[in-house]
Amino acid sequence: MGNRFRLKPGSQLLLFLICFTFGVWVLRGLTLLSFLPGIVLYLLILACLAVFVINSIRSMR
């Protein structure tokens, strides 16, 4: 019964990246991670988009 809802590894990676990016964004907004430059957030968002595109292409095959 525990295997009813199982994500593919690519989807798991995307979900992890989105959650991690959101966490970094919130902690940076609360100034707990204010030492991180803004480019780190942009790179994380870019990584999320790249994983999304790759997953979309792989699922169409």
PDB file of N, CA and C in Angstrom:
ATOM      1  N   MET A   1       0.798  -1.187   0.000  1.00  0.00           N
ATOM      2  CA  MET A   1       0.000   0.000   0.000  1.00  0.00           C
ATOM      3  C   MET A   1       0.848   1.262   0.000  1.00  0.00           C
ATOM      4  N   GLY A   2       2.066   1.203   0.452  1.00  0.00           N
ATOM      5  CA  GLY A   2       2.912   2.380   0.530  1.00  0.00           C
ATOM      6  C   GLY A   2       3.439   2.851  -0.808  1.00  0.00           C
ATOM      7  N   ASN A   3       3.320   2.035  -1.857  1.00  0.00           N
ATOM      8  CA  ASN A   3       3.851   2.385  -3.171  1.00  0.00           C
ATOM      9  C   ASN A   3       2.793   2.957  -4.108  1.00  0.00           C
ATOM     10  N   ARG A   4       1.682   3.423  -3.579  1.00  0.00           N
ATOM     11  CA  ARG A   4       0.639   3.976  -4.441  1.00  0.00           C
ATOM     12  C   ARG A   4       1.094   5.242  -5.131  1.00  0.00           C
ATOM     13  N   PHE A   5       1.846   6.073  -4.434  1.00  0.00           N
ATOM     14  CA  PHE A   5       2.264   7.355  -4.981  1.00  0.00           C
ATOM     15  C   PHE A   5       3.785   7.405  -4.970  1.00  0.00           C
ATOM     16  N   ARG A   6       4.387   7.065  -6.092  1.00  0.00           N
ATOM     17  CA  ARG A   6       5.850   7.020  -6.193  1.00  0.00           C
ATOM     18  C   ARG A   6       6.290   7.933  -7.326  1.00  0.00           C
ATOM     19  N   LEU A   7       7.190   8.859  -7.030  1.00  0.00           N
ATOM     20  CA  LEU A   7       7.700   9.790  -8.034  1.00  0.00           C
ATOM     21  C   LEU A   7       8.929   9.211  -8.723  1.00  0.00           C
ATOM     22  N   LYS A   8       9.103   9.597  -9.973  1.00  0.00           N
ATOM     23  CA  LYS A   8      10.299   9.217 -10.705  1.00  0.00           C
ATOM     24  C   LYS A   8      11.496   9.972 -10.131  1.00  0.00           C
ATOM     25  N   PRO A   9      12.706   9.457 -10.304  1.00  0.00           N
ATOM     26  CA  PRO A   9      13.888  10.136  -9.741  1.00  0.00           C
ATOM     27  C   PRO A   9      14.055  11.572 -10.234  1.00  0.00           C
ATOM     28  N   GLY A  10      13.735  11.839 -11.491  1.00  0.00           N
ATOM     29  CA  GLY A  10      13.836  13.198 -12.004  1.00  0.00           C
ATOM     30  C   GLY A  10      12.849  14.140 -11.332  1.00  0.00           C
ATOM     31  N   SER A  11      11.655  13.630 -11.068  1.00  0.00           N
ATOM     32  CA  SER A  11      10.647  14.437 -10.373  1.00  0.00           C
ATOM     33  C   SER A  11      11.035  14.660  -8.914  1.00  0.00           C
ATOM     34  N   GLN A  12      11.641  13.664  -8.310  1.00  0.00           N
ATOM     35  CA  GLN A  12      12.115  13.821  -6.934  1.00  0.00           C
ATOM     36  C   GLN A  12      13.199  14.890  -6.856  1.00  0.00           C
ATOM     37  N   LEU A  13      14.101  14.886  -7.839  1.00  0.00           N
ATOM     38  CA  LEU A  13      15.155  15.889  -7.873  1.00  0.00           C
ATOM     39  C   LEU A  13      14.564  17.285  -8.046  1.00  0.00           C
ATOM     40  N   LEU A  14      13.587  17.414  -8.934  1.00  0.00           N
ATOM     41  CA  LEU A  14      12.954  18.702  -9.155  1.00  0.00           C
ATOM     42  C   LEU A  14      12.247  19.183  -7.889  1.00  0.00           C
ATOM     43  N   LEU A  15      11.530  18.303  -7.227  1.00  0.00           N
ATOM     44  CA  LEU A  15      10.838  18.667  -5.993  1.00  0.00           C
ATOM     45  C   LEU A  15      11.832  19.085  -4.917  1.00  0.00           C
ATOM     46  N   PHE A  16      12.940  18.366  -4.791  1.00  0.00           N
ATOM     47  CA  PHE A  16      13.968  18.726  -3.828  1.00  0.00           C
ATOM     48  C   PHE A  16      14.559  20.097  -4.142  1.00  0.00           C
ATOM     49  N   LEU A  17      14.869  20.347  -5.414  1.00  0.00           N
ATOM     50  CA  LEU A  17      15.451  21.630  -5.801  1.00  0.00           C
ATOM     51  C   LEU A  17      14.499  22.782  -5.544  1.00  0.00           C
ATOM     52  N   ILE A  18      13.218  22.583  -5.834  1.00  0.00           N
ATOM     53  CA  ILE A  18      12.234  23.638  -5.584  1.00  0.00           C
ATOM     54  C   ILE A  18      12.132  23.925  -4.095  1.00  0.00           C
ATOM     55  N   CYS A  19      12.062  22.891  -3.271  1.00  0.00           N
ATOM     56  CA  CYS A  19      11.975  23.084  -1.825  1.00  0.00           C
ATOM     57  C   CYS A  19      13.240  23.730  -1.271  1.00  0.00           C
ATOM     58  N   PHE A  20      14.388  23.294  -1.751  1.00  0.00           N
ATOM     59  CA  PHE A  20      15.657  23.860  -1.296  1.00  0.00           C
ATOM     60  C   PHE A  20      15.771  25.332  -1.695  1.00  0.00           C
ATOM     61  N   THR A  21      15.382  25.648  -2.927  1.00  0.00           N
ATOM     62  CA  THR A  21      15.426  27.026  -3.397  1.00  0.00           C
ATOM     63  C   THR A  21      14.493  27.903  -2.577  1.00  0.00           C
ATOM     64  N   PHE A  22      13.284  27.409  -2.317  1.00  0.00           N
ATOM     65  CA  PHE A  22      12.335  28.168  -1.514  1.00  0.00           C
ATOM     66  C   PHE A  22      12.863  28.388  -0.099  1.00  0.00           C
ATOM     67  N   GLY A  23      13.484  27.353   0.471  1.00  0.00           N
ATOM     68  CA  GLY A  23      14.059  27.490   1.817  1.00  0.00           C
ATOM     69  C   GLY A  23      15.175  28.522   1.864  1.00  0.00           C
ATOM     70  N   VAL A  24      16.052  28.492   0.866  1.00  0.00           N
ATOM     71  CA  VAL A  24      17.140  29.472   0.805  1.00  0.00           C
ATOM     72  C   VAL A  24      16.565  30.880   0.640  1.00  0.00           C
ATOM     73  N   TRP A  25      15.537  31.007  -0.198  1.00  0.00           N
ATOM     74  CA  TRP A  25      14.912  32.305  -0.433  1.00  0.00           C
ATOM     75  C   TRP A  25      14.298  32.865   0.845  1.00  0.00           C
ATOM     76  N   VAL A  26      13.596  32.012   1.591  1.00  0.00           N
ATOM     77  CA  VAL A  26      12.968  32.451   2.844  1.00  0.00           C
ATOM     78  C   VAL A  26      14.031  32.809   3.879  1.00  0.00           C
ATOM     79  N   LEU A  27      15.039  31.952   4.038  1.00  0.00           N
ATOM     80  CA  LEU A  27      16.077  32.228   5.034  1.00  0.00           C
ATOM     81  C   LEU A  27      16.898  33.465   4.666  1.00  0.00           C
ATOM     82  N   ARG A  28      17.075  33.690   3.379  1.00  0.00           N
ATOM     83  CA  ARG A  28      17.790  34.899   2.956  1.00  0.00           C
ATOM     84  C   ARG A  28      16.932  36.134   3.220  1.00  0.00           C
ATOM     85  N   GLY A  29      15.625  36.001   3.056  1.00  0.00           N
ATOM     86  CA  GLY A  29      14.712  37.097   3.347  1.00  0.00           C
ATOM     87  C   GLY A  29      14.654  37.417   4.832  1.00  0.00           C
ATOM     88  N   LEU A  30      14.838  36.416   5.656  1.00  0.00           N
ATOM     89  CA  LEU A  30      14.865  36.628   7.109  1.00  0.00           C
ATOM     90  C   LEU A  30      16.247  37.044   7.597  1.00  0.00           C
ATOM     91  N   THR A  31      17.142  37.281   6.688  1.00  0.00           N
ATOM     92  CA  THR A  31      18.542  37.699   6.911  1.00  0.00           C
ATOM     93  C   THR A  31      19.372  36.657   7.664  1.00  0.00           C
ATOM     94  N   LEU A  32      18.919  35.415   7.686  1.00  0.00           N
ATOM     95  CA  LEU A  32      19.738  34.360   8.289  1.00  0.00           C
ATOM     96  C   LEU A  32      20.828  33.905   7.322  1.00  0.00           C
ATOM     97  N   LEU A  33      20.558  34.018   6.038  1.00  0.00           N
ATOM     98  CA  LEU A  33      21.545  33.676   5.017  1.00  0.00           C
ATOM     99  C   LEU A  33      21.869  34.911   4.182  1.00  0.00           C
ATOM    100  N   SER A  34      21.950  36.038   4.818  1.00  0.00           N
ATOM    101  CA  SER A  34      22.163  37.286   4.076  1.00  0.00           C
ATOM    102  C   SER A  34      23.564  37.371   3.472  1.00  0.00           C
ATOM    103  N   PHE A  35      24.471  36.535   3.917  1.00  0.00           N
ATOM    104  CA  PHE A  35      25.827  36.563   3.377  1.00  0.00           C
ATOM    105  C   PHE A  35      25.896  35.953   1.976  1.00  0.00           C
ATOM    106  N   LEU A  36      24.847  35.207   1.575  1.00  0.00           N
ATOM    107  CA  LEU A  36      24.833  34.612   0.240  1.00  0.00           C
ATOM    108  C   LEU A  36      24.536  35.688  -0.803  1.00  0.00           C
ATOM    109  N   PRO A  37      25.308  35.726  -1.868  1.00  0.00           N
ATOM    110  CA  PRO A  37      25.010  36.698  -2.922  1.00  0.00           C
ATOM    111  C   PRO A  37      23.733  36.299  -3.672  1.00  0.00           C
ATOM    112  N   GLY A  38      23.113  37.258  -4.300  1.00  0.00           N
ATOM    113  CA  GLY A  38      21.872  37.024  -5.016  1.00  0.00           C
ATOM    114  C   GLY A  38      22.016  36.059  -6.175  1.00  0.00           C
ATOM    115  N   ILE A  39      23.216  35.956  -6.723  1.00  0.00           N
ATOM    116  CA  ILE A  39      23.443  35.064  -7.857  1.00  0.00           C
ATOM    117  C   ILE A  39      23.184  33.611  -7.477  1.00  0.00           C
ATOM    118  N   VAL A  40      23.353  33.271  -6.216  1.00  0.00           N
ATOM    119  CA  VAL A  40      23.107  31.897  -5.764  1.00  0.00           C
ATOM    120  C   VAL A  40      21.631  31.552  -5.954  1.00  0.00           C
ATOM    121  N   LEU A  41      20.765  32.491  -5.606  1.00  0.00           N
ATOM    122  CA  LEU A  41      19.334  32.263  -5.799  1.00  0.00           C
ATOM    123  C   LEU A  41      18.998  32.129  -7.271  1.00  0.00           C
ATOM    124  N   TYR A  42      19.580  32.975  -8.100  1.00  0.00           N
ATOM    125  CA  TYR A  42      19.326  32.900  -9.532  1.00  0.00           C
ATOM    126  C   TYR A  42      19.823  31.576 -10.109  1.00  0.00           C
ATOM    127  N   LEU A  43      20.951  31.097  -9.630  1.00  0.00           N
ATOM    128  CA  LEU A  43      21.471  29.816 -10.108  1.00  0.00           C
ATOM    129  C   LEU A  43      20.580  28.650  -9.681  1.00  0.00           C
ATOM    130  N   LEU A  44      20.045  28.722  -8.465  1.00  0.00           N
ATOM    131  CA  LEU A  44      19.129  27.674  -8.015  1.00  0.00           C
ATOM    132  C   LEU A  44      17.847  27.667  -8.847  1.00  0.00           C
ATOM    133  N   ILE A  45      17.327  28.852  -9.146  1.00  0.00           N
ATOM    134  CA  ILE A  45      16.124  28.937  -9.984  1.00  0.00           C
ATOM    135  C   ILE A  45      16.429  28.421 -11.386  1.00  0.00           C
ATOM    136  N   LEU A  46      17.590  28.768 -11.907  1.00  0.00           N
ATOM    137  CA  LEU A  46      17.998  28.279 -13.225  1.00  0.00           C
ATOM    138  C   LEU A  46      18.146  26.756 -13.218  1.00  0.00           C
ATOM    139  N   ALA A  47      18.666  26.207 -12.135  1.00  0.00           N
ATOM    140  CA  ALA A  47      18.791  24.751 -12.021  1.00  0.00           C
ATOM    141  C   ALA A  47      17.417  24.090 -11.995  1.00  0.00           C
ATOM    142  N   CYS A  48      16.458  24.704 -11.305  1.00  0.00           N
ATOM    143  CA  CYS A  48      15.086  24.171 -11.288  1.00  0.00           C
ATOM    144  C   CYS A  48      14.499  24.164 -12.691  1.00  0.00           C
ATOM    145  N   LEU A  49      14.690  25.249 -13.414  1.00  0.00           N
ATOM    146  CA  LEU A  49      14.176  25.318 -14.784  1.00  0.00           C
ATOM    147  C   LEU A  49      14.846  24.290 -15.689  1.00  0.00           C
ATOM    148  N   ALA A  50      16.148  24.121 -15.533  1.00  0.00           N
ATOM    149  CA  ALA A  50      16.871  23.148 -16.356  1.00  0.00           C
ATOM    150  C   ALA A  50      16.388  21.728 -16.078  1.00  0.00           C
ATOM    151  N   VAL A  51      16.209  21.377 -14.824  1.00  0.00           N
ATOM    152  CA  VAL A  51      15.725  20.034 -14.476  1.00  0.00           C
ATOM    153  C   VAL A  51      14.311  19.838 -14.998  1.00  0.00           C
ATOM    154  N   PHE A  52      13.484  20.881 -14.925  1.00  0.00           N
ATOM    155  CA  PHE A  52      12.124  20.793 -15.446  1.00  0.00           C
ATOM    156  C   PHE A  52      12.122  20.532 -16.952  1.00  0.00           C
ATOM    157  N   VAL A  53      12.944  21.262 -17.675  1.00  0.00           N
ATOM    158  CA  VAL A  53      13.009  21.082 -19.135  1.00  0.00           C
ATOM    159  C   VAL A  53      13.521  19.690 -19.481  1.00  0.00           C
ATOM    160  N   ILE A  54      14.549  19.237 -18.794  1.00  0.00           N
ATOM    161  CA  ILE A  54      15.104  17.909 -19.058  1.00  0.00           C
ATOM    162  C   ILE A  54      14.072  16.825 -18.754  1.00  0.00           C
ATOM    163  N   ASN A  55      13.345  16.979 -17.641  1.00  0.00           N
ATOM    164  CA  ASN A  55      12.298  15.993 -17.309  1.00  0.00           C
ATOM    165  C   ASN A  55      11.185  16.002 -18.343  1.00  0.00           C
ATOM    166  N   SER A  56      10.829  17.183 -18.821  1.00  0.00           N
ATOM    167  CA  SER A  56       9.773  17.275 -19.823  1.00  0.00           C
ATOM    168  C   SER A  56      10.187  16.590 -21.122  1.00  0.00           C
ATOM    169  N   ILE A  57      11.420  16.810 -21.527  1.00  0.00           N
ATOM    170  CA  ILE A  57      11.917  16.195 -22.756  1.00  0.00           C
ATOM    171  C   ILE A  57      11.984  14.670 -22.597  1.00  0.00           C
ATOM    172  N   ARG A  58      12.454  14.214 -21.451  1.00  0.00           N
ATOM    173  CA  ARG A  58      12.574  12.772 -21.224  1.00  0.00           C
ATOM    174  C   ARG A  58      11.206  12.094 -21.155  1.00  0.00           C
ATOM    175  N   SER A  59      10.196  12.795 -20.640  1.00  0.00           N
ATOM    176  CA  SER A  59       8.871  12.178 -20.520  1.00  0.00           C
ATOM    177  C   SER A  59       8.138  12.124 -21.860  1.00  0.00           C
ATOM    178  N   MET A  60       8.548  12.947 -22.818  1.00  0.00           N
ATOM    179  CA  MET A  60       7.905  12.918 -24.133  1.00  0.00           C
ATOM    180  C   MET A  60       8.392  11.751 -24.981  1.00  0.00           C
ATOM    181  N   ARG A  61       9.518  11.160 -24.638  1.00  0.00           N
ATOM    182  CA  ARG A  61      10.031  10.026 -25.420  1.00  0.00           C
ATOM    183  C   ARG A  61       9.358   8.745 -25.052  1.00  0.00           C
TER     184      ARG A  61
END
